[in-house]
């Protein structure tokens, strides 16, 4: 998120960023979804080697993300973006495995849970909650 510094009072239980969102503008050139045009603004997910600080891979998104990132023990990574796409990536390589348009900005962190031995991932987009079953390996 791109923030402008400004005085802010902390209120328990409320979101606190210490600033206000700053618009990146809409006059920047755009390509297709998740194919940024050189010189345009974009967001990305970057995997780093925590021991060396070296970048392992990068997944560019057409817009910045306000959602969290969820990784699973089976090396799946889930992330959403303002453009409304929910992505599943290979957490080791950054390869896009699946994406789904949810019709609204994704600003919540995805979560996973299990019911009767079946794993699900759920995320809020816009004013709706979406839940997807994961395939059995």
N, C-alpha and C. Protein backbone atom coordinates (compact mmCIF):
# COMPACT_ATOMS: atom_id res chain seq x y z
N UNK A 1 0.84 -1.16 0.00
CA UNK A 1 0.00 0.00 0.00
C UNK A 1 0.89 1.23 0.00
N UNK A 2 0.52 2.21 -0.75
CA UNK A 2 1.26 3.47 -0.82
C UNK A 2 0.58 4.45 0.14
N UNK A 3 1.28 4.84 1.21
CA UNK A 3 0.70 5.70 2.24
C UNK A 3 1.36 7.07 2.26
N UNK A 4 0.55 8.06 2.54
CA UNK A 4 1.06 9.41 2.78
C UNK A 4 1.14 9.59 4.29
N UNK A 5 2.28 10.05 4.78
CA UNK A 5 2.46 10.26 6.22
C UNK A 5 1.54 11.39 6.68
N UNK A 6 0.87 11.16 7.82
CA UNK A 6 0.03 12.19 8.40
C UNK A 6 -0.20 11.86 9.87
N UNK A 7 -0.49 12.88 10.68
CA UNK A 7 -0.75 12.59 12.09
C UNK A 7 -1.96 11.67 12.23
N UNK A 8 -1.86 10.71 13.12
CA UNK A 8 -2.96 9.77 13.32
C UNK A 8 -3.00 9.36 14.78
N UNK A 9 -4.18 9.23 15.31
CA UNK A 9 -4.39 8.78 16.69
C UNK A 9 -4.71 7.29 16.67
N UNK A 10 -4.05 6.53 17.52
CA UNK A 10 -4.35 5.12 17.64
C UNK A 10 -5.62 4.93 18.45
N UNK A 11 -6.56 4.10 17.92
CA UNK A 11 -7.78 3.75 18.63
C UNK A 11 -7.83 2.23 18.73
N UNK A 12 -7.82 1.67 19.95
CA UNK A 12 -7.85 0.21 20.09
C UNK A 12 -9.01 -0.41 19.31
N UNK A 13 -8.72 -1.50 18.62
CA UNK A 13 -9.75 -2.22 17.87
C UNK A 13 -10.00 -1.68 16.48
N UNK A 14 -9.34 -0.59 16.10
CA UNK A 14 -9.53 -0.01 14.77
C UNK A 14 -8.25 -0.14 13.96
N UNK A 15 -8.38 -0.15 12.66
CA UNK A 15 -7.21 -0.23 11.77
C UNK A 15 -6.34 1.01 11.97
N UNK A 16 -5.02 0.78 12.07
CA UNK A 16 -4.09 1.89 12.26
C UNK A 16 -2.95 1.75 11.27
N UNK A 17 -2.78 2.74 10.40
CA UNK A 17 -1.71 2.70 9.41
C UNK A 17 -0.70 3.81 9.61
N UNK A 18 -1.04 4.81 10.43
CA UNK A 18 -0.14 5.94 10.62
C UNK A 18 -0.10 6.86 9.42
N UNK A 19 -1.08 6.74 8.55
CA UNK A 19 -1.13 7.57 7.35
C UNK A 19 -2.44 7.36 6.64
N UNK A 20 -2.49 7.83 5.42
CA UNK A 20 -3.70 7.69 4.61
C UNK A 20 -3.30 7.16 3.24
N UNK A 21 -4.16 6.31 2.62
CA UNK A 21 -3.83 5.80 1.30
C UNK A 21 -3.61 6.95 0.31
N UNK A 22 -2.60 6.79 -0.52
CA UNK A 22 -2.31 7.79 -1.54
C UNK A 22 -2.58 7.15 -2.89
N UNK A 23 -3.39 7.79 -3.70
CA UNK A 23 -3.74 7.27 -5.02
C UNK A 23 -2.54 7.26 -5.93
N UNK A 24 -2.43 6.21 -6.70
CA UNK A 24 -1.37 6.12 -7.70
C UNK A 24 -1.81 6.75 -9.02
N UNK A 25 -3.07 7.18 -9.09
CA UNK A 25 -3.57 7.81 -10.31
C UNK A 25 -4.08 6.77 -11.30
N UNK A 26 -4.87 7.22 -12.25
CA UNK A 26 -5.45 6.30 -13.22
C UNK A 26 -4.93 6.55 -14.62
N UNK A 27 -4.05 7.53 -14.81
CA UNK A 27 -3.57 7.87 -16.14
C UNK A 27 -2.35 7.06 -16.57
N UNK A 28 -1.98 6.05 -15.79
CA UNK A 28 -0.80 5.26 -16.12
C UNK A 28 -1.18 4.18 -17.13
N UNK A 29 -0.25 3.83 -18.03
CA UNK A 29 -0.56 2.80 -19.03
C UNK A 29 -0.79 1.45 -18.37
N UNK A 30 -1.71 0.69 -18.91
CA UNK A 30 -2.05 -0.63 -18.37
C UNK A 30 -2.01 -1.67 -19.48
N UNK A 31 -1.60 -2.86 -19.13
CA UNK A 31 -1.70 -4.01 -20.03
C UNK A 31 -2.86 -4.87 -19.58
N UNK A 32 -2.87 -6.11 -20.02
CA UNK A 32 -3.89 -7.05 -19.56
C UNK A 32 -3.67 -7.32 -18.08
N UNK A 33 -4.67 -7.91 -17.43
CA UNK A 33 -4.56 -8.25 -16.02
C UNK A 33 -3.28 -9.06 -15.79
N UNK A 34 -2.51 -8.63 -14.81
CA UNK A 34 -1.26 -9.26 -14.40
C UNK A 34 -0.18 -9.26 -15.47
N UNK A 35 -0.27 -8.32 -16.41
CA UNK A 35 0.83 -8.08 -17.34
C UNK A 35 1.07 -6.58 -17.37
N UNK A 36 1.75 -6.05 -16.37
CA UNK A 36 1.97 -4.60 -16.30
C UNK A 36 2.74 -4.07 -17.50
N UNK A 37 2.43 -2.86 -17.88
CA UNK A 37 3.15 -2.17 -18.94
C UNK A 37 4.34 -1.48 -18.29
N UNK A 38 5.49 -1.48 -18.97
CA UNK A 38 6.68 -0.83 -18.43
C UNK A 38 6.34 0.61 -18.05
N UNK A 39 6.75 1.01 -16.86
CA UNK A 39 6.52 2.36 -16.38
C UNK A 39 5.21 2.53 -15.64
N UNK A 40 4.35 1.52 -15.63
CA UNK A 40 3.09 1.65 -14.90
C UNK A 40 3.29 1.19 -13.46
N UNK A 41 2.37 1.57 -12.61
CA UNK A 41 2.45 1.09 -11.24
C UNK A 41 1.84 -0.30 -11.17
N UNK A 42 2.28 -1.08 -10.22
CA UNK A 42 1.77 -2.43 -10.05
C UNK A 42 2.11 -2.90 -8.65
N UNK A 43 1.54 -3.99 -8.26
CA UNK A 43 1.87 -4.64 -7.00
C UNK A 43 2.53 -5.97 -7.32
N UNK A 44 3.17 -6.55 -6.35
CA UNK A 44 3.73 -7.87 -6.58
C UNK A 44 3.92 -8.62 -5.28
N UNK A 45 4.02 -9.92 -5.43
CA UNK A 45 4.36 -10.81 -4.33
C UNK A 45 5.80 -11.23 -4.59
N UNK A 46 6.66 -11.05 -3.61
CA UNK A 46 8.07 -11.38 -3.76
C UNK A 46 8.46 -12.40 -2.70
N UNK A 47 9.07 -13.49 -3.13
CA UNK A 47 9.59 -14.49 -2.19
C UNK A 47 11.07 -14.23 -2.00
N UNK A 48 11.49 -14.18 -0.74
CA UNK A 48 12.88 -13.92 -0.41
C UNK A 48 13.46 -15.10 0.37
N UNK A 49 14.73 -15.35 0.17
CA UNK A 49 15.46 -16.31 0.98
C UNK A 49 15.81 -15.59 2.28
N UNK A 50 15.24 -16.00 3.38
CA UNK A 50 15.43 -15.27 4.63
C UNK A 50 16.86 -15.33 5.15
N UNK A 51 17.63 -16.31 4.71
CA UNK A 51 19.02 -16.41 5.16
C UNK A 51 19.96 -15.48 4.38
N UNK A 52 19.68 -15.28 3.08
CA UNK A 52 20.58 -14.47 2.26
C UNK A 52 19.99 -13.11 1.88
N UNK A 53 18.66 -12.98 1.98
CA UNK A 53 18.01 -11.75 1.56
C UNK A 53 17.83 -11.65 0.05
N UNK A 54 18.17 -12.71 -0.67
CA UNK A 54 18.05 -12.72 -2.13
C UNK A 54 16.62 -13.02 -2.55
N UNK A 55 16.19 -12.34 -3.61
CA UNK A 55 14.86 -12.58 -4.17
C UNK A 55 14.86 -13.92 -4.89
N UNK A 56 13.88 -14.77 -4.57
CA UNK A 56 13.77 -16.09 -5.19
C UNK A 56 12.85 -16.04 -6.41
N UNK A 57 11.73 -15.35 -6.29
CA UNK A 57 10.81 -15.17 -7.39
C UNK A 57 9.90 -13.97 -7.12
N UNK A 58 9.21 -13.54 -8.18
CA UNK A 58 8.31 -12.39 -8.09
C UNK A 58 7.08 -12.66 -8.94
N UNK A 59 5.91 -12.34 -8.42
CA UNK A 59 4.65 -12.46 -9.16
C UNK A 59 4.04 -11.07 -9.24
N UNK A 60 4.03 -10.50 -10.45
CA UNK A 60 3.50 -9.15 -10.64
C UNK A 60 1.98 -9.17 -10.75
N UNK A 61 1.37 -8.19 -10.11
CA UNK A 61 -0.08 -8.02 -10.16
C UNK A 61 -0.38 -6.67 -10.79
N UNK A 62 -1.53 -6.55 -11.46
CA UNK A 62 -1.85 -5.31 -12.16
C UNK A 62 -2.20 -4.18 -11.19
N UNK A 63 -2.41 -4.48 -9.95
CA UNK A 63 -2.78 -3.48 -8.95
C UNK A 63 -2.13 -3.89 -7.64
N UNK A 64 -2.00 -2.97 -6.72
CA UNK A 64 -1.44 -3.32 -5.41
C UNK A 64 -2.43 -4.19 -4.65
N UNK A 65 -1.98 -4.79 -3.59
CA UNK A 65 -2.85 -5.65 -2.80
C UNK A 65 -2.97 -5.12 -1.38
N UNK A 66 -4.17 -5.20 -0.85
CA UNK A 66 -4.43 -4.89 0.55
C UNK A 66 -4.70 -6.17 1.33
N UNK A 67 -4.72 -7.31 0.62
CA UNK A 67 -5.00 -8.57 1.30
C UNK A 67 -3.73 -9.13 1.91
N UNK A 68 -3.90 -10.05 2.78
CA UNK A 68 -2.76 -10.77 3.32
C UNK A 68 -2.38 -11.89 2.37
N UNK A 69 -1.32 -12.59 2.72
CA UNK A 69 -0.88 -13.74 1.94
C UNK A 69 -0.97 -14.96 2.84
N UNK A 70 -1.51 -16.03 2.31
CA UNK A 70 -1.64 -17.29 3.05
C UNK A 70 -0.82 -18.35 2.33
N UNK A 71 0.02 -19.05 3.06
CA UNK A 71 0.72 -20.21 2.50
C UNK A 71 0.32 -21.44 3.29
N UNK A 72 0.31 -22.57 2.61
CA UNK A 72 -0.09 -23.83 3.25
C UNK A 72 1.11 -24.77 3.32
N UNK A 73 0.96 -25.82 4.09
CA UNK A 73 2.02 -26.83 4.23
C UNK A 73 2.26 -27.56 2.91
N UNK A 74 1.28 -27.51 1.99
CA UNK A 74 1.44 -28.18 0.69
C UNK A 74 1.98 -27.22 -0.37
N UNK A 75 2.62 -26.12 0.08
CA UNK A 75 3.28 -25.16 -0.80
C UNK A 75 2.33 -24.42 -1.74
N UNK A 76 1.12 -24.15 -1.27
CA UNK A 76 0.22 -23.27 -2.00
C UNK A 76 0.29 -21.90 -1.37
N UNK A 77 0.21 -20.85 -2.18
CA UNK A 77 0.20 -19.48 -1.70
C UNK A 77 -1.04 -18.82 -2.27
N UNK A 78 -1.84 -18.18 -1.42
CA UNK A 78 -3.05 -17.50 -1.85
C UNK A 78 -2.91 -16.01 -1.58
N UNK A 79 -3.32 -15.19 -2.56
CA UNK A 79 -3.28 -13.74 -2.43
C UNK A 79 -4.36 -13.15 -3.34
N UNK A 80 -4.92 -12.03 -2.91
CA UNK A 80 -5.91 -11.33 -3.72
C UNK A 80 -5.47 -9.92 -3.99
N UNK A 81 -6.19 -9.24 -4.86
CA UNK A 81 -5.82 -7.88 -5.20
C UNK A 81 -7.01 -6.96 -5.34
N UNK A 82 -6.72 -5.69 -5.47
CA UNK A 82 -7.78 -4.70 -5.64
C UNK A 82 -8.58 -4.91 -6.92
N UNK A 83 -7.96 -5.53 -7.93
CA UNK A 83 -8.66 -5.73 -9.19
C UNK A 83 -9.69 -6.85 -9.10
N UNK A 84 -9.74 -7.56 -7.97
CA UNK A 84 -10.77 -8.57 -7.73
C UNK A 84 -10.38 -10.00 -8.04
N UNK A 85 -9.13 -10.23 -8.43
CA UNK A 85 -8.69 -11.60 -8.68
C UNK A 85 -8.12 -12.23 -7.41
N UNK A 86 -8.46 -13.49 -7.21
CA UNK A 86 -7.92 -14.30 -6.13
C UNK A 86 -7.00 -15.32 -6.80
N UNK A 87 -5.73 -15.35 -6.41
CA UNK A 87 -4.71 -16.16 -7.05
C UNK A 87 -4.25 -17.29 -6.15
N UNK A 88 -3.94 -18.43 -6.75
CA UNK A 88 -3.24 -19.53 -6.09
C UNK A 88 -1.92 -19.70 -6.83
N UNK A 89 -0.82 -19.62 -6.09
CA UNK A 89 0.51 -19.75 -6.66
C UNK A 89 1.23 -20.94 -6.04
N UNK A 90 2.22 -21.44 -6.76
CA UNK A 90 3.14 -22.40 -6.18
C UNK A 90 4.06 -21.59 -5.27
N UNK A 91 4.08 -21.86 -3.98
CA UNK A 91 4.84 -21.06 -3.02
C UNK A 91 6.35 -21.19 -3.22
N UNK A 92 6.81 -22.24 -3.87
CA UNK A 92 8.25 -22.42 -4.08
C UNK A 92 8.76 -21.75 -5.34
N UNK A 93 7.87 -21.62 -6.37
CA UNK A 93 8.31 -21.10 -7.66
C UNK A 93 7.63 -19.79 -8.08
N UNK A 94 6.46 -19.49 -7.48
CA UNK A 94 5.70 -18.32 -7.88
C UNK A 94 4.82 -18.56 -9.10
N UNK A 95 4.80 -19.78 -9.60
CA UNK A 95 3.99 -20.11 -10.78
C UNK A 95 2.50 -19.94 -10.44
N UNK A 96 1.77 -19.26 -11.33
CA UNK A 96 0.32 -19.12 -11.17
C UNK A 96 -0.34 -20.46 -11.46
N UNK A 97 -1.06 -20.99 -10.48
CA UNK A 97 -1.74 -22.28 -10.63
C UNK A 97 -3.21 -22.10 -10.97
N UNK A 98 -3.80 -20.99 -10.47
CA UNK A 98 -5.24 -20.79 -10.62
C UNK A 98 -5.54 -19.36 -10.25
N UNK A 99 -6.54 -18.77 -10.90
CA UNK A 99 -7.04 -17.47 -10.48
C UNK A 99 -8.53 -17.41 -10.76
N UNK A 100 -9.22 -16.63 -9.95
CA UNK A 100 -10.66 -16.50 -10.08
C UNK A 100 -11.05 -15.05 -9.84
N UNK A 101 -11.87 -14.49 -10.71
CA UNK A 101 -12.39 -13.15 -10.49
C UNK A 101 -13.54 -13.24 -9.50
N UNK A 102 -13.45 -12.47 -8.41
CA UNK A 102 -14.48 -12.51 -7.38
C UNK A 102 -15.40 -11.30 -7.44
N UNK A 103 -15.14 -10.38 -8.35
CA UNK A 103 -16.06 -9.28 -8.59
C UNK A 103 -15.95 -8.10 -7.64
N UNK A 104 -15.05 -8.16 -6.69
CA UNK A 104 -14.88 -7.06 -5.76
C UNK A 104 -13.46 -7.04 -5.24
N UNK A 105 -13.03 -5.90 -4.76
CA UNK A 105 -11.69 -5.76 -4.22
C UNK A 105 -11.47 -6.73 -3.06
N UNK A 106 -10.31 -7.38 -3.05
CA UNK A 106 -9.98 -8.33 -1.98
C UNK A 106 -9.07 -7.60 -1.00
N UNK A 107 -9.60 -7.32 0.17
CA UNK A 107 -8.87 -6.56 1.17
C UNK A 107 -8.72 -7.30 2.48
N UNK A 108 -9.11 -8.57 2.49
CA UNK A 108 -8.97 -9.38 3.70
C UNK A 108 -7.91 -10.44 3.48
N UNK A 109 -7.37 -10.93 4.55
CA UNK A 109 -6.44 -12.04 4.45
C UNK A 109 -7.20 -13.33 4.24
N UNK A 110 -6.76 -14.18 3.29
CA UNK A 110 -7.41 -15.48 3.14
C UNK A 110 -7.13 -16.36 4.34
N UNK A 111 -7.99 -17.33 4.56
CA UNK A 111 -7.78 -18.28 5.64
C UNK A 111 -8.14 -19.67 5.16
N UNK A 112 -7.62 -20.67 5.83
CA UNK A 112 -7.92 -22.05 5.46
C UNK A 112 -8.45 -22.78 6.69
N UNK A 113 -9.28 -23.77 6.41
CA UNK A 113 -9.83 -24.59 7.49
C UNK A 113 -10.18 -25.97 6.93
N UNK A 114 -10.44 -26.90 7.83
CA UNK A 114 -10.76 -28.27 7.43
C UNK A 114 -12.08 -28.69 8.05
N UNK A 115 -12.91 -29.36 7.25
CA UNK A 115 -14.18 -29.92 7.73
C UNK A 115 -14.26 -31.36 7.21
N UNK A 116 -14.44 -32.30 8.11
CA UNK A 116 -14.55 -33.72 7.75
C UNK A 116 -13.43 -34.18 6.82
N UNK A 117 -12.20 -33.73 7.10
CA UNK A 117 -11.05 -34.17 6.32
C UNK A 117 -10.85 -33.44 5.01
N UNK A 118 -11.69 -32.48 4.67
CA UNK A 118 -11.57 -31.71 3.43
C UNK A 118 -11.09 -30.30 3.75
N UNK A 119 -10.04 -29.83 3.03
CA UNK A 119 -9.49 -28.50 3.28
C UNK A 119 -10.14 -27.47 2.36
N UNK A 120 -10.41 -26.30 2.94
CA UNK A 120 -11.04 -25.18 2.22
C UNK A 120 -10.20 -23.92 2.42
N UNK A 121 -10.31 -23.01 1.46
CA UNK A 121 -9.74 -21.67 1.61
C UNK A 121 -10.87 -20.68 1.39
N UNK A 122 -10.90 -19.65 2.22
CA UNK A 122 -11.99 -18.67 2.13
C UNK A 122 -11.41 -17.26 2.18
N UNK A 123 -12.09 -16.33 1.51
CA UNK A 123 -11.63 -14.95 1.46
C UNK A 123 -12.85 -14.05 1.21
N UNK A 124 -12.79 -12.85 1.76
CA UNK A 124 -13.85 -11.86 1.52
C UNK A 124 -13.43 -10.98 0.35
N UNK A 125 -14.39 -10.69 -0.53
CA UNK A 125 -14.16 -9.79 -1.67
C UNK A 125 -15.41 -8.92 -1.81
N UNK A 126 -15.21 -7.61 -1.86
CA UNK A 126 -16.37 -6.73 -1.90
C UNK A 126 -17.17 -6.93 -0.63
N UNK A 127 -18.45 -7.26 -0.79
CA UNK A 127 -19.33 -7.49 0.36
C UNK A 127 -19.75 -8.96 0.45
N UNK A 128 -18.92 -9.86 -0.08
CA UNK A 128 -19.26 -11.29 -0.09
C UNK A 128 -18.10 -12.12 0.43
N UNK A 129 -18.41 -13.33 0.87
CA UNK A 129 -17.43 -14.28 1.35
C UNK A 129 -17.40 -15.46 0.37
N UNK A 130 -16.22 -15.84 -0.09
CA UNK A 130 -16.06 -16.92 -1.05
C UNK A 130 -15.25 -18.05 -0.43
N UNK A 131 -15.68 -19.28 -0.64
CA UNK A 131 -15.00 -20.44 -0.09
C UNK A 131 -14.78 -21.45 -1.22
N UNK A 132 -13.56 -21.97 -1.29
CA UNK A 132 -13.19 -22.94 -2.32
C UNK A 132 -12.62 -24.18 -1.65
N UNK A 133 -13.01 -25.36 -2.16
CA UNK A 133 -12.46 -26.62 -1.68
C UNK A 133 -11.13 -26.86 -2.39
N UNK A 134 -10.13 -27.33 -1.66
CA UNK A 134 -8.86 -27.69 -2.27
C UNK A 134 -8.90 -29.12 -2.73
N UNK A 135 -8.22 -29.39 -3.82
CA UNK A 135 -8.15 -30.76 -4.35
C UNK A 135 -7.37 -31.65 -3.40
N UNK A 136 -7.77 -32.89 -3.34
CA UNK A 136 -7.00 -33.89 -2.59
C UNK A 136 -5.80 -34.27 -3.44
N UNK A 137 -4.65 -34.46 -2.79
CA UNK A 137 -3.44 -34.85 -3.55
C UNK A 137 -3.38 -36.32 -3.73
